[in-house]
C-alpha atoms as a PDB file:
ATOM      1  CA  UNK A   1       0.000   0.000   0.000  1.00  0.00           C
ATOM      2  CA  UNK A   2       1.234   3.493  -0.817  1.00  0.00           C
ATOM      3  CA  UNK A   3       2.062   6.236   1.591  1.00  0.00           C
ATOM      4  CA  UNK A   4      -0.757   8.498   2.769  1.00  0.00           C
ATOM      5  CA  UNK A   5      -1.326  11.656   0.755  1.00  0.00           C
ATOM      6  CA  UNK A   6      -3.450  14.701   1.488  1.00  0.00           C
ATOM      7  CA  UNK A   7      -6.897  14.896  -0.046  1.00  0.00           C
ATOM      8  CA  UNK A   8      -6.550  17.192  -3.058  1.00  0.00           C
ATOM      9  CA  UNK A   9      -9.374  19.687  -3.378  1.00  0.00           C
ATOM     10  CA  UNK A  10     -10.506  21.976  -6.140  1.00  0.00           C
ATOM     11  CA  UNK A  11     -13.583  24.115  -6.700  1.00  0.00           C
ATOM     12  CA  UNK A  12     -15.490  21.341  -8.461  1.00  0.00           C
ATOM     13  CA  UNK A  13     -14.616  18.518  -6.076  1.00  0.00           C
ATOM     14  CA  UNK A  14     -17.355  15.919  -5.943  1.00  0.00           C
ATOM     15  CA  UNK A  15     -18.043  13.241  -3.386  1.00  0.00           C
ATOM     16  CA  UNK A  16     -19.457  13.008   0.101  1.00  0.00           C
ATOM     17  CA  UNK A  17     -16.324  14.244   1.876  1.00  0.00           C
ATOM     18  CA  UNK A  18     -15.161  16.690  -0.805  1.00  0.00           C
ATOM     19  CA  UNK A  19     -18.256  18.554  -2.025  1.00  0.00           C
ATOM     20  CA  UNK A  20     -17.799  22.301  -1.350  1.00  0.00           C
ATOM     21  CA  UNK A  21     -14.931  21.472   1.027  1.00  0.00           C
ATOM     22  CA  UNK A  22     -12.619  24.017  -0.618  1.00  0.00           C
ATOM     23  CA  UNK A  23     -15.190  26.746  -0.014  1.00  0.00           C
ATOM     24  CA  UNK A  24     -15.452  25.662   3.622  1.00  0.00           C
ATOM     25  CA  UNK A  25     -11.676  25.649   4.101  1.00  0.00           C
ATOM     26  CA  UNK A  26     -11.311  29.151   2.725  1.00  0.00           C
ATOM     27  CA  UNK A  27     -14.118  30.717   4.762  1.00  0.00           C
ATOM     28  CA  UNK A  28     -14.572  28.630   7.934  1.00  0.00           C
ATOM     29  CA  UNK A  29     -11.184  29.383   9.432  1.00  0.00           C
ATOM     30  CA  UNK A  30     -11.869  28.539  13.070  1.00  0.00           C
ATOM     31  CA  UNK A  31     -12.041  24.818  12.216  1.00  0.00           C
ATOM     32  CA  UNK A  32      -8.740  24.561  10.324  1.00  0.00           C
ATOM     33  CA  UNK A  33      -5.055  25.455  10.555  1.00  0.00           C
ATOM     34  CA  UNK A  34      -2.946  26.076   7.458  1.00  0.00           C
ATOM     35  CA  UNK A  35       0.582  25.194   6.408  1.00  0.00           C
ATOM     36  CA  UNK A  36       1.996  26.783   3.238  1.00  0.00           C
ATOM     37  CA  UNK A  37       4.302  24.451   1.320  1.00  0.00           C
ATOM     38  CA  UNK A  38       6.638  24.816  -1.626  1.00  0.00           C
ATOM     39  CA  UNK A  39       7.793  22.098  -4.008  1.00  0.00           C
ATOM     40  CA  UNK A  40      10.671  20.891  -1.868  1.00  0.00           C
ATOM     41  CA  UNK A  41       8.630  20.655   1.304  1.00  0.00           C
ATOM     42  CA  UNK A  42       5.795  18.957  -0.562  1.00  0.00           C
ATOM     43  CA  UNK A  43       8.215  16.285  -1.810  1.00  0.00           C
ATOM     44  CA  UNK A  44       9.559  15.740   1.715  1.00  0.00           C
ATOM     45  CA  UNK A  45       6.059  15.403   3.139  1.00  0.00           C
ATOM     46  CA  UNK A  46       4.961  12.979   0.422  1.00  0.00           C
ATOM     47  CA  UNK A  47       8.075  10.829   0.954  1.00  0.00           C
ATOM     48  CA  UNK A  48       7.413  10.586   4.695  1.00  0.00           C
ATOM     49  CA  UNK A  49       3.645  10.244   4.409  1.00  0.00           C
ATOM     50  CA  UNK A  50       3.123  12.304   7.533  1.00  0.00           C
ATOM     51  CA  UNK A  51       3.537  15.745   9.006  1.00  0.00           C
ATOM     52  CA  UNK A  52       6.103  15.427  11.801  1.00  0.00           C
ATOM     53  CA  UNK A  53       6.667  18.290  14.226  1.00  0.00           C
ATOM     54  CA  UNK A  54       8.476  16.321  16.937  1.00  0.00           C
ATOM     55  CA  UNK A  55      12.066  17.149  15.948  1.00  0.00           C
ATOM     56  CA  UNK A  56      11.368  20.582  14.548  1.00  0.00           C
ATOM     57  CA  UNK A  57       8.218  22.522  15.470  1.00  0.00           C
ATOM     58  CA  UNK A  58       6.117  23.503  12.453  1.00  0.00           C
ATOM     59  CA  UNK A  59       4.534  26.977  12.462  1.00  0.00           C
ATOM     60  CA  UNK A  60       0.895  26.960  11.342  1.00  0.00           C
ATOM     61  CA  UNK A  61      -1.322  29.839  10.240  1.00  0.00           C
ATOM     62  CA  UNK A  62      -4.797  30.413  11.636  1.00  0.00           C
ATOM     63  CA  UNK A  63      -6.370  31.609   8.381  1.00  0.00           C
ATOM     64  CA  UNK A  64      -6.027  30.824   4.698  1.00  0.00           C
ATOM     65  CA  UNK A  65      -5.636  34.491   3.772  1.00  0.00           C
ATOM     66  CA  UNK A  66      -2.449  34.791   5.897  1.00  0.00           C
ATOM     67  CA  UNK A  67      -0.570  32.127   3.949  1.00  0.00           C
ATOM     68  CA  UNK A  68      -2.198  32.073   0.509  1.00  0.00           C
ATOM     69  CA  UNK A  69       0.294  34.473  -1.067  1.00  0.00           C
ATOM     70  CA  UNK A  70       3.401  32.731   0.259  1.00  0.00           C
ATOM     71  CA  UNK A  71       3.558  29.471  -1.703  1.00  0.00           C
ATOM     72  CA  UNK A  72       1.951  27.469  -4.503  1.00  0.00           C
ATOM     73  CA  UNK A  73       0.075  25.086  -2.208  1.00  0.00           C
ATOM     74  CA  UNK A  74      -1.413  25.069   1.269  1.00  0.00           C
ATOM     75  CA  UNK A  75      -2.175  22.101   3.490  1.00  0.00           C
ATOM     76  CA  UNK A  76      -5.271  22.504   5.661  1.00  0.00           C
ATOM     77  CA  UNK A  77      -5.404  20.531   8.898  1.00  0.00           C
ATOM     78  CA  UNK A  78      -8.598  20.117  10.965  1.00  0.00           C
ATOM     79  CA  UNK A  79      -8.098  21.673  14.404  1.00  0.00           C
ATOM     80  CA  UNK A  80      -9.802  18.863  16.306  1.00  0.00           C
ATOM     81  CA  UNK A  81      -7.276  16.303  15.024  1.00  0.00           C
ATOM     82  CA  UNK A  82      -4.242  18.250  16.283  1.00  0.00           C
ATOM     83  CA  UNK A  83      -5.631  20.249  19.192  1.00  0.00           C
ATOM     84  CA  UNK A  84      -3.463  18.403  21.739  1.00  0.00           C
ATOM     85  CA  UNK A  85      -0.297  18.997  19.660  1.00  0.00           C
ATOM     86  CA  UNK A  86      -0.908  22.676  18.867  1.00  0.00           C
ATOM     87  CA  UNK A  87       0.780  25.157  21.202  1.00  0.00           C
ATOM     88  CA  UNK A  88      -0.546  28.650  22.025  1.00  0.00           C
ATOM     89  CA  UNK A  89       2.402  30.125  20.102  1.00  0.00           C
ATOM     90  CA  UNK A  90       0.959  28.667  16.901  1.00  0.00           C
ATOM     91  CA  UNK A  91       3.322  25.756  16.298  1.00  0.00           C
ATOM     92  CA  UNK A  92       2.631  22.067  15.749  1.00  0.00           C
ATOM     93  CA  UNK A  93       4.718  19.639  17.824  1.00  0.00           C
ATOM     94  CA  UNK A  94       3.105  16.286  17.053  1.00  0.00           C
ATOM     95  CA  UNK A  95       2.570  13.829  14.221  1.00  0.00           C
ATOM     96  CA  UNK A  96      -0.358  13.491  11.818  1.00  0.00           C
ATOM     97  CA  UNK A  97      -0.780  11.352   8.725  1.00  0.00           C
ATOM     98  CA  UNK A  98      -1.253  13.247   5.485  1.00  0.00           C
ATOM     99  CA  UNK A  99      -4.484  11.445   4.583  1.00  0.00           C
ATOM    100  CA  UNK A 100      -6.201  13.448   7.350  1.00  0.00           C
ATOM    101  CA  UNK A 101      -5.245  16.740   5.698  1.00  0.00           C
ATOM    102  CA  UNK A 102      -6.390  18.647   2.619  1.00  0.00           C
ATOM    103  CA  UNK A 103      -4.236  20.083  -0.167  1.00  0.00           C
ATOM    104  CA  UNK A 104      -5.277  23.396  -1.741  1.00  0.00           C
ATOM    105  CA  UNK A 105      -3.745  24.830  -4.902  1.00  0.00           C
ATOM    106  CA  UNK A 106      -3.453  28.521  -4.030  1.00  0.00           C
ATOM    107  CA  UNK A 107      -3.695  29.767  -7.621  1.00  0.00           C
ATOM    108  CA  UNK A 108      -7.017  28.018  -8.093  1.00  0.00           C
ATOM    109  CA  UNK A 109      -8.340  29.060  -4.683  1.00  0.00           C
ATOM    110  CA  UNK A 110      -7.307  32.703  -5.198  1.00  0.00           C
ATOM    111  CA  UNK A 111      -8.945  32.691  -8.627  1.00  0.00           C
ATOM    112  CA  UNK A 112     -12.137  31.352  -7.008  1.00  0.00           C
ATOM    113  CA  UNK A 113     -12.026  34.084  -4.361  1.00  0.00           C
ATOM    114  CA  UNK A 114     -11.622  36.777  -7.030  1.00  0.00           C
ATOM    115  CA  UNK A 115     -14.306  35.426  -9.358  1.00  0.00           C
ATOM    116  CA  UNK A 116     -16.973  34.366  -6.869  1.00  0.00           C
ATOM    117  CA  UNK A 117     -16.308  35.492  -3.302  1.00  0.00           C
ATOM    118  CA  UNK A 118     -15.478  39.140  -3.973  1.00  0.00           C
ATOM    119  CA  UNK A 119     -18.802  39.573  -5.796  1.00  0.00           C
ATOM    120  CA  UNK A 120     -20.857  37.663  -3.218  1.00  0.00           C
ATOM    121  CA  UNK A 121     -23.247  39.497  -0.910  1.00  0.00           C
ATOM    122  CA  UNK A 122     -22.589  37.064   1.965  1.00  0.00           C
ATOM    123  CA  UNK A 123     -18.807  37.452   2.024  1.00  0.00           C
ATOM    124  CA  UNK A 124     -17.501  37.989   5.546  1.00  0.00           C
ATOM    125  CA  UNK A 125     -20.538  36.485   7.265  1.00  0.00           C
ATOM    126  CA  UNK A 126     -20.077  33.335   9.347  1.00  0.00           C
ATOM    127  CA  UNK A 127     -20.355  30.191   7.220  1.00  0.00           C
ATOM    128  CA  UNK A 128     -21.009  32.173   4.068  1.00  0.00           C
ATOM    129  CA  UNK A 129     -20.173  29.112   1.970  1.00  0.00           C
ATOM    130  CA  UNK A 130     -23.451  27.514   3.125  1.00  0.00           C
ATOM    131  CA  UNK A 131     -25.589  30.528   2.216  1.00  0.00           C
ATOM    132  CA  UNK A 132     -25.316  30.136  -1.540  1.00  0.00           C
ATOM    133  CA  UNK A 133     -26.470  27.074  -3.404  1.00  0.00           C
ATOM    134  CA  UNK A 134     -24.021  27.211  -6.275  1.00  0.00           C
ATOM    135  CA  UNK A 135     -22.263  24.391  -8.020  1.00  0.00           C
ATOM    136  CA  UNK A 136     -19.399  25.480 -10.200  1.00  0.00           C
ATOM    137  CA  UNK A 137     -19.057  21.917 -11.426  1.00  0.00           C
ATOM    138  CA  UNK A 138     -22.400  21.902 -13.212  1.00  0.00           C
ATOM    139  CA  UNK A 139     -21.616  25.107 -15.101  1.00  0.00           C
ATOM    140  CA  UNK A 140     -18.158  23.853 -16.063  1.00  0.00           C
ATOM    141  CA  UNK A 141     -19.530  20.534 -17.283  1.00  0.00           C
ATOM    142  CA  UNK A 142     -22.077  22.279 -19.494  1.00  0.00           C
ATOM    143  CA  UNK A 143     -19.333  24.445 -21.004  1.00  0.00           C
ATOM    144  CA  UNK A 144     -17.154  21.393 -21.507  1.00  0.00           C
ATOM    145  CA  UNK A 145     -19.882  19.424 -23.297  1.00  0.00           C
ATOM    146  CA  UNK A 146     -20.385  22.176 -25.856  1.00  0.00           C
ATOM    147  CA  UNK A 147     -16.745  22.429 -26.917  1.00  0.00           C
ATOM    148  CA  UNK A 148     -14.996  20.770 -29.850  1.00  0.00           C
ATOM    149  CA  UNK A 149     -12.406  19.531 -27.361  1.00  0.00           C
ATOM    150  CA  UNK A 150     -14.915  16.999 -26.017  1.00  0.00           C
ATOM    151  CA  UNK A 151     -15.696  15.777 -29.542  1.00  0.00           C
ATOM    152  CA  UNK A 152     -12.000  15.285 -30.237  1.00  0.00           C
ATOM    153  CA  UNK A 153     -11.518  13.339 -27.001  1.00  0.00           C
ATOM    154  CA  UNK A 154     -14.457  11.073 -27.892  1.00  0.00           C
ATOM    155  CA  UNK A 155     -12.942  10.368 -31.314  1.00  0.00           C
ATOM    156  CA  UNK A 156      -9.607   9.462 -29.715  1.00  0.00           C
ATOM    157  CA  UNK A 157     -11.330   7.055 -27.301  1.00  0.00           C
ATOM    158  CA  UNK A 158     -13.263   5.366 -30.131  1.00  0.00           C
ATOM    159  CA  UNK A 159     -10.072   4.908 -32.143  1.00  0.00           C
ATOM    160  CA  UNK A 160      -8.327   3.449 -29.097  1.00  0.00           C
ATOM    161  CA  UNK A 161     -11.168   0.969 -28.537  1.00  0.00           C
ATOM    162  CA  UNK A 162     -11.011  -0.181 -32.160  1.00  0.00           C
ATOM    163  CA  UNK A 163      -7.290  -0.892 -31.822  1.00  0.00           C
ATOM    164  CA  UNK A 164      -7.773  -2.957 -28.660  1.00  0.00           C
ATOM    165  CA  UNK A 165      -8.090  -6.659 -29.595  1.00  0.00           C
ATOM    166  CA  UNK A 166     -10.457  -7.542 -26.737  1.00  0.00           C
ATOM    167  CA  UNK A 167     -12.337  -4.455 -25.571  1.00  0.00           C
ATOM    168  CA  UNK A 168     -13.642  -4.631 -22.069  1.00  0.00           C
END
């Protein structure tokens, strides 16, 4: 079995545990702590499979907006899972597996904030992500279905199936 990895989120994430989770992470900041990571640190974390603050304390941010400009990705950690290992100074001194965390691409999240959140009437209110009933995924899928790109992908798949001796 492979090493644990963080749950990757994007605006259109689907599934029971992922649906509108990115929106919650960005706006419901009292439930999560954030760790900005660069490419090197991301590789180190993925190789270990866990976030280890025992040898060297890891500083965490209390809101997404504090760390979103620093690096290309941010790991969000639920507060209840690390509350006993989080010091009042804002550092993490314990161990947590990466599969309990969430990975946010900051470029995509910042683009979402600019396009949707800045124009929203509920921005700044508690749990504003629950106020609107929007699904970016449905709009994106409709746009995708109407493009010639989809037609080209379907043609490629049909050609691939014809070449396969025993299609499944």
